[in-house]
Amino acid sequence: MCEWGGGDVHQLPDLPSGPGWYRLRYHAVNMDEDSGAEDRYLLQIWPQPESVPQVVKSTSAQLAYWCGAG
């Protein structure tokens, strides 16, 4: 995985279920804040059959911007 803007590259560990389809959930906190608070991120990965990608919930103006809605 690469950091946003071409930063450092991070290797994911071997996934315990081996090759196959996985679901990823990405959490970000403070992305829209101008308060100087540090952004925090969490990536969760688990095996799941192939499915259509979807945004389950978003309150981020940044996501809306990058998805072309802003």
PDB file of N, CA and C in Angstrom:
ATOM      1  N   MET A   1       0.847  -1.164   0.000  1.00  0.00           N
ATOM      2  CA  MET A   1       0.000   0.000   0.000  1.00  0.00           C
ATOM      3  C   MET A   1       0.893   1.227   0.000  1.00  0.00           C
ATOM      4  N   CYS A   2       0.431   2.259  -0.701  1.00  0.00           N
ATOM      5  CA  CYS A   2       1.174   3.513  -0.770  1.00  0.00           C
ATOM      6  C   CYS A   2       0.432   4.596  -0.008  1.00  0.00           C
ATOM      7  N   GLU A   3       1.193   5.448   0.653  1.00  0.00           N
ATOM      8  CA  GLU A   3       0.584   6.586   1.321  1.00  0.00           C
ATOM      9  C   GLU A   3       0.061   7.564   0.285  1.00  0.00           C
ATOM     10  N   TRP A   4      -0.961   8.308   0.650  1.00  0.00           N
ATOM     11  CA  TRP A   4      -1.563   9.298  -0.230  1.00  0.00           C
ATOM     12  C   TRP A   4      -0.494  10.299  -0.655  1.00  0.00           C
ATOM     13  N   GLY A   5      -0.491  10.667  -1.908  1.00  0.00           N
ATOM     14  CA  GLY A   5       0.454  11.658  -2.398  1.00  0.00           C
ATOM     15  C   GLY A   5       1.831  11.095  -2.685  1.00  0.00           C
ATOM     16  N   GLY A   6       1.945   9.770  -2.796  1.00  0.00           N
ATOM     17  CA  GLY A   6       3.217   9.169  -3.162  1.00  0.00           C
ATOM     18  C   GLY A   6       4.199   9.020  -2.025  1.00  0.00           C
ATOM     19  N   GLY A   7       3.717   8.909  -0.819  1.00  0.00           N
ATOM     20  CA  GLY A   7       4.595   8.744   0.337  1.00  0.00           C
ATOM     21  C   GLY A   7       5.163   7.341   0.422  1.00  0.00           C
ATOM     22  N   ASP A   8       5.451   6.930   1.630  1.00  0.00           N
ATOM     23  CA  ASP A   8       6.060   5.626   1.869  1.00  0.00           C
ATOM     24  C   ASP A   8       5.178   4.489   1.370  1.00  0.00           C
ATOM     25  N   VAL A   9       5.826   3.367   1.048  1.00  0.00           N
ATOM     26  CA  VAL A   9       5.130   2.143   0.640  1.00  0.00           C
ATOM     27  C   VAL A   9       5.148   1.193   1.829  1.00  0.00           C
ATOM     28  N   HIS A  10       3.997   0.616   2.149  1.00  0.00           N
ATOM     29  CA  HIS A  10       3.870  -0.307   3.277  1.00  0.00           C
ATOM     30  C   HIS A  10       3.410  -1.659   2.750  1.00  0.00           C
ATOM     31  N   GLN A  11       4.083  -2.715   3.158  1.00  0.00           N
ATOM     32  CA  GLN A  11       3.704  -4.062   2.753  1.00  0.00           C
ATOM     33  C   GLN A  11       2.635  -4.596   3.702  1.00  0.00           C
ATOM     34  N   LEU A  12       1.581  -5.149   3.139  1.00  0.00           N
ATOM     35  CA  LEU A  12       0.575  -5.810   3.971  1.00  0.00           C
ATOM     36  C   LEU A  12       1.130  -7.154   4.411  1.00  0.00           C
ATOM     37  N   PRO A  13       0.789  -7.598   5.606  1.00  0.00           N
ATOM     38  CA  PRO A  13       1.221  -8.939   6.015  1.00  0.00           C
ATOM     39  C   PRO A  13       0.483  -9.989   5.193  1.00  0.00           C
ATOM     40  N   ASP A  14       1.008 -11.212   5.193  1.00  0.00           N
ATOM     41  CA  ASP A  14       0.291 -12.308   4.539  1.00  0.00           C
ATOM     42  C   ASP A  14      -1.085 -12.429   5.181  1.00  0.00           C
ATOM     43  N   LEU A  15      -2.093 -12.573   4.352  1.00  0.00           N
ATOM     44  CA  LEU A  15      -3.453 -12.697   4.868  1.00  0.00           C
ATOM     45  C   LEU A  15      -3.701 -14.141   5.286  1.00  0.00           C
ATOM     46  N   PRO A  16      -4.265 -14.366   6.478  1.00  0.00           N
ATOM     47  CA  PRO A  16      -4.383 -15.716   7.018  1.00  0.00           C
ATOM     48  C   PRO A  16      -5.243 -16.656   6.182  1.00  0.00           C
ATOM     49  N   SER A  17      -6.175 -16.127   5.400  1.00  0.00           N
ATOM     50  CA  SER A  17      -7.035 -16.993   4.590  1.00  0.00           C
ATOM     51  C   SER A  17      -6.444 -17.279   3.209  1.00  0.00           C
ATOM     52  N   GLY A  18      -5.242 -16.747   2.943  1.00  0.00           N
ATOM     53  CA  GLY A  18      -4.580 -17.017   1.672  1.00  0.00           C
ATOM     54  C   GLY A  18      -5.204 -16.244   0.520  1.00  0.00           C
ATOM     55  N   PRO A  19      -4.910 -16.669  -0.716  1.00  0.00           N
ATOM     56  CA  PRO A  19      -5.440 -15.974  -1.890  1.00  0.00           C
ATOM     57  C   PRO A  19      -6.970 -16.043  -1.930  1.00  0.00           C
ATOM     58  N   GLY A  20      -7.560 -15.056  -2.545  1.00  0.00           N
ATOM     59  CA  GLY A  20      -9.011 -15.030  -2.684  1.00  0.00           C
ATOM     60  C   GLY A  20      -9.539 -13.619  -2.587  1.00  0.00           C
ATOM     61  N   TRP A  21     -10.842 -13.499  -2.440  1.00  0.00           N
ATOM     62  CA  TRP A  21     -11.507 -12.200  -2.344  1.00  0.00           C
ATOM     63  C   TRP A  21     -11.571 -11.747  -0.897  1.00  0.00           C
ATOM     64  N   TYR A  22     -11.411 -10.449  -0.712  1.00  0.00           N
ATOM     65  CA  TYR A  22     -11.445  -9.857   0.620  1.00  0.00           C
ATOM     66  C   TYR A  22     -12.279  -8.592   0.589  1.00  0.00           C
ATOM     67  N   ARG A  23     -12.853  -8.238   1.712  1.00  0.00           N
ATOM     68  CA  ARG A  23     -13.547  -6.960   1.898  1.00  0.00           C
ATOM     69  C   ARG A  23     -12.596  -6.080   2.705  1.00  0.00           C
ATOM     70  N   LEU A  24     -12.555  -4.801   2.353  1.00  0.00           N
ATOM     71  CA  LEU A  24     -11.748  -3.841   3.095  1.00  0.00           C
ATOM     72  C   LEU A  24     -12.640  -2.745   3.630  1.00  0.00           C
ATOM     73  N   ARG A  25     -12.399  -2.351   4.857  1.00  0.00           N
ATOM     74  CA  ARG A  25     -13.109  -1.215   5.457  1.00  0.00           C
ATOM     75  C   ARG A  25     -12.035  -0.229   5.905  1.00  0.00           C
ATOM     76  N   TYR A  26     -12.186   1.016   5.452  1.00  0.00           N
ATOM     77  CA  TYR A  26     -11.199   2.053   5.732  1.00  0.00           C
ATOM     78  C   TYR A  26     -11.857   3.126   6.570  1.00  0.00           C
ATOM     79  N   HIS A  27     -11.334   3.333   7.767  1.00  0.00           N
ATOM     80  CA  HIS A  27     -11.843   4.367   8.662  1.00  0.00           C
ATOM     81  C   HIS A  27     -10.848   5.520   8.685  1.00  0.00           C
ATOM     82  N   ALA A  28     -11.339   6.736   8.644  1.00  0.00           N
ATOM     83  CA  ALA A  28     -10.484   7.913   8.783  1.00  0.00           C
ATOM     84  C   ALA A  28     -11.156   8.887   9.742  1.00  0.00           C
ATOM     85  N   VAL A  29     -10.377   9.445  10.646  1.00  0.00           N
ATOM     86  CA  VAL A  29     -10.886  10.394  11.634  1.00  0.00           C
ATOM     87  C   VAL A  29     -10.100  11.694  11.489  1.00  0.00           C
ATOM     88  N   ASN A  30     -10.800  12.805  11.518  1.00  0.00           N
ATOM     89  CA  ASN A  30     -10.237  14.155  11.438  1.00  0.00           C
ATOM     90  C   ASN A  30      -9.792  14.559  10.037  1.00  0.00           C
ATOM     91  N   MET A  31     -10.208  13.851   8.996  1.00  0.00           N
ATOM     92  CA  MET A  31      -9.801  14.223   7.629  1.00  0.00           C
ATOM     93  C   MET A  31     -10.303  15.604   7.238  1.00  0.00           C
ATOM     94  N   ASP A  32     -11.461  15.998   7.708  1.00  0.00           N
ATOM     95  CA  ASP A  32     -12.063  17.264   7.315  1.00  0.00           C
ATOM     96  C   ASP A  32     -11.787  18.390   8.310  1.00  0.00           C
ATOM     97  N   GLU A  33     -11.022  18.100   9.351  1.00  0.00           N
ATOM     98  CA  GLU A  33     -10.790  19.083  10.400  1.00  0.00           C
ATOM     99  C   GLU A  33      -9.643  20.020  10.038  1.00  0.00           C
ATOM    100  N   ASP A  34      -9.814  21.282  10.301  1.00  0.00           N
ATOM    101  CA  ASP A  34      -8.744  22.258  10.150  1.00  0.00           C
ATOM    102  C   ASP A  34      -8.183  22.661  11.509  1.00  0.00           C
ATOM    103  N   SER A  35      -8.508  21.897  12.530  1.00  0.00           N
ATOM    104  CA  SER A  35      -8.143  22.264  13.897  1.00  0.00           C
ATOM    105  C   SER A  35      -6.706  21.900  14.244  1.00  0.00           C
ATOM    106  N   GLY A  36      -6.000  21.274  13.322  1.00  0.00           N
ATOM    107  CA  GLY A  36      -4.647  20.827  13.617  1.00  0.00           C
ATOM    108  C   GLY A  36      -4.613  19.468  14.283  1.00  0.00           C
ATOM    109  N   ALA A  37      -5.788  18.867  14.493  1.00  0.00           N
ATOM    110  CA  ALA A  37      -5.830  17.534  15.087  1.00  0.00           C
ATOM    111  C   ALA A  37      -5.219  16.534  14.105  1.00  0.00           C
ATOM    112  N   GLU A  38      -4.519  15.562  14.635  1.00  0.00           N
ATOM    113  CA  GLU A  38      -3.860  14.569  13.788  1.00  0.00           C
ATOM    114  C   GLU A  38      -4.887  13.611  13.196  1.00  0.00           C
ATOM    115  N   ASP A  39      -4.772  13.348  11.885  1.00  0.00           N
ATOM    116  CA  ASP A  39      -5.633  12.360  11.248  1.00  0.00           C
ATOM    117  C   ASP A  39      -5.303  10.983  11.804  1.00  0.00           C
ATOM    118  N   ARG A  40      -6.331  10.135  11.883  1.00  0.00           N
ATOM    119  CA  ARG A  40      -6.132   8.742  12.300  1.00  0.00           C
ATOM    120  C   ARG A  40      -6.827   7.853  11.286  1.00  0.00           C
ATOM    121  N   TYR A  41      -6.226   6.700  11.016  1.00  0.00           N
ATOM    122  CA  TYR A  41      -6.747   5.791  10.005  1.00  0.00           C
ATOM    123  C   TYR A  41      -6.735   4.362  10.530  1.00  0.00           C
ATOM    124  N   LEU A  42      -7.673   3.569  10.050  1.00  0.00           N
ATOM    125  CA  LEU A  42      -7.747   2.149  10.385  1.00  0.00           C
ATOM    126  C   LEU A  42      -8.185   1.402   9.141  1.00  0.00           C
ATOM    127  N   LEU A  43      -7.455   0.361   8.788  1.00  0.00           N
ATOM    128  CA  LEU A  43      -7.812  -0.489   7.659  1.00  0.00           C
ATOM    129  C   LEU A  43      -8.131  -1.871   8.206  1.00  0.00           C
ATOM    130  N   GLN A  44      -9.339  -2.354   7.922  1.00  0.00           N
ATOM    131  CA  GLN A  44      -9.749  -3.701   8.334  1.00  0.00           C
ATOM    132  C   GLN A  44      -9.913  -4.547   7.077  1.00  0.00           C
ATOM    133  N   ILE A  45      -9.447  -5.800   7.124  1.00  0.00           N
ATOM    134  CA  ILE A  45      -9.497  -6.706   5.972  1.00  0.00           C
ATOM    135  C   ILE A  45     -10.017  -8.051   6.453  1.00  0.00           C
ATOM    136  N   TRP A  46     -10.994  -8.614   5.728  1.00  0.00           N
ATOM    137  CA  TRP A  46     -11.485  -9.944   6.075  1.00  0.00           C
ATOM    138  C   TRP A  46     -11.937 -10.649   4.803  1.00  0.00           C
ATOM    139  N   PRO A  47     -11.872 -12.002   4.785  1.00  0.00           N
ATOM    140  CA  PRO A  47     -12.284 -12.739   3.591  1.00  0.00           C
ATOM    141  C   PRO A  47     -13.788 -12.628   3.375  1.00  0.00           C
ATOM    142  N   GLN A  48     -14.171 -12.474   2.118  1.00  0.00           N
ATOM    143  CA  GLN A  48     -15.592 -12.405   1.755  1.00  0.00           C
ATOM    144  C   GLN A  48     -15.691 -12.655   0.260  1.00  0.00           C
ATOM    145  N   PRO A  49     -16.736 -13.326  -0.200  1.00  0.00           N
ATOM    146  CA  PRO A  49     -16.897 -13.545  -1.640  1.00  0.00           C
ATOM    147  C   PRO A  49     -16.931 -12.223  -2.407  1.00  0.00           C
ATOM    148  N   GLU A  50     -16.605 -12.294  -3.684  1.00  0.00           N
ATOM    149  CA  GLU A  50     -16.606 -11.108  -4.542  1.00  0.00           C
ATOM    150  C   GLU A  50     -17.964 -10.409  -4.494  1.00  0.00           C
ATOM    151  N   SER A  51     -17.929  -9.083  -4.428  1.00  0.00           N
ATOM    152  CA  SER A  51     -19.157  -8.300  -4.413  1.00  0.00           C
ATOM    153  C   SER A  51     -18.861  -6.912  -4.968  1.00  0.00           C
ATOM    154  N   VAL A  52     -19.899  -6.156  -5.219  1.00  0.00           N
ATOM    155  CA  VAL A  52     -19.765  -4.812  -5.755  1.00  0.00           C
ATOM    156  C   VAL A  52     -19.240  -3.875  -4.657  1.00  0.00           C
ATOM    157  N   PRO A  53     -18.196  -3.078  -4.951  1.00  0.00           N
ATOM    158  CA  PRO A  53     -17.723  -2.115  -3.955  1.00  0.00           C
ATOM    159  C   PRO A  53     -18.817  -1.104  -3.609  1.00  0.00           C
ATOM    160  N   GLN A  54     -18.837  -0.664  -2.365  1.00  0.00           N
ATOM    161  CA  GLN A  54     -19.831   0.315  -1.959  1.00  0.00           C
ATOM    162  C   GLN A  54     -19.345   1.127  -0.771  1.00  0.00           C
ATOM    163  N   VAL A  55     -19.800   2.346  -0.693  1.00  0.00           N
ATOM    164  CA  VAL A  55     -19.561   3.170   0.483  1.00  0.00           C
ATOM    165  C   VAL A  55     -20.757   2.946   1.396  1.00  0.00           C
ATOM    166  N   VAL A  56     -20.518   2.405   2.573  1.00  0.00           N
ATOM    167  CA  VAL A  56     -21.604   2.098   3.499  1.00  0.00           C
ATOM    168  C   VAL A  56     -22.050   3.350   4.230  1.00  0.00           C
ATOM    169  N   LYS A  57     -21.086   4.161   4.674  1.00  0.00           N
ATOM    170  CA  LYS A  57     -21.404   5.393   5.379  1.00  0.00           C
ATOM    171  C   LYS A  57     -20.250   6.360   5.183  1.00  0.00           C
ATOM    172  N   SER A  58     -20.573   7.601   4.941  1.00  0.00           N
ATOM    173  CA  SER A  58     -19.548   8.629   4.860  1.00  0.00           C
ATOM    174  C   SER A  58     -20.123   9.954   5.330  1.00  0.00           C
ATOM    175  N   THR A  59     -19.352  10.633   6.141  1.00  0.00           N
ATOM    176  CA  THR A  59     -19.710  11.991   6.557  1.00  0.00           C
ATOM    177  C   THR A  59     -18.598  12.943   6.135  1.00  0.00           C
ATOM    178  N   SER A  60     -17.747  12.502   5.224  1.00  0.00           N
ATOM    179  CA  SER A  60     -16.555  13.243   4.853  1.00  0.00           C
ATOM    180  C   SER A  60     -16.739  14.094   3.603  1.00  0.00           C
ATOM    181  N   ALA A  61     -16.446  15.371   3.725  1.00  0.00           N
ATOM    182  CA  ALA A  61     -16.430  16.241   2.551  1.00  0.00           C
ATOM    183  C   ALA A  61     -15.288  15.860   1.627  1.00  0.00           C
ATOM    184  N   GLN A  62     -14.183  15.341   2.201  1.00  0.00           N
ATOM    185  CA  GLN A  62     -13.057  14.905   1.378  1.00  0.00           C
ATOM    186  C   GLN A  62     -13.464  13.752   0.461  1.00  0.00           C
ATOM    187  N   LEU A  63     -14.200  12.779   0.968  1.00  0.00           N
ATOM    188  CA  LEU A  63     -14.654  11.669   0.129  1.00  0.00           C
ATOM    189  C   LEU A  63     -15.561  12.183  -0.973  1.00  0.00           C
ATOM    190  N   ALA A  64     -16.494  13.048  -0.631  1.00  0.00           N
ATOM    191  CA  ALA A  64     -17.398  13.605  -1.646  1.00  0.00           C
ATOM    192  C   ALA A  64     -16.594  14.312  -2.729  1.00  0.00           C
ATOM    193  N   TYR A  65     -15.577  15.058  -2.341  1.00  0.00           N
ATOM    194  CA  TYR A  65     -14.746  15.769  -3.316  1.00  0.00           C
ATOM    195  C   TYR A  65     -14.052  14.778  -4.253  1.00  0.00           C
ATOM    196  N   TRP A  66     -13.375  13.761  -3.680  1.00  0.00           N
ATOM    197  CA  TRP A  66     -12.606  12.820  -4.488  1.00  0.00           C
ATOM    198  C   TRP A  66     -13.498  11.899  -5.306  1.00  0.00           C
ATOM    199  N   CYS A  67     -14.742  11.741  -4.935  1.00  0.00           N
ATOM    200  CA  CYS A  67     -15.677  10.935  -5.729  1.00  0.00           C
ATOM    201  C   CYS A  67     -16.371  11.785  -6.805  1.00  0.00           C
ATOM    202  N   GLY A  68     -16.036  13.070  -6.868  1.00  0.00           N
ATOM    203  CA  GLY A  68     -16.597  13.936  -7.897  1.00  0.00           C
ATOM    204  C   GLY A  68     -17.930  14.560  -7.559  1.00  0.00           C
ATOM    205  N   ALA A  69     -18.367  14.390  -6.319  1.00  0.00           N
ATOM    206  CA  ALA A  69     -19.663  14.957  -5.942  1.00  0.00           C
ATOM    207  C   ALA A  69     -19.508  16.331  -5.305  1.00  0.00           C
ATOM    208  N   GLY A  70     -18.286  16.790  -5.073  1.00  0.00           N
ATOM    209  CA  GLY A  70     -18.086  18.038  -4.354  1.00  0.00           C
ATOM    210  C   GLY A  70     -17.496  19.062  -5.151  1.00  0.00           C
TER     211      GLY A  70
END
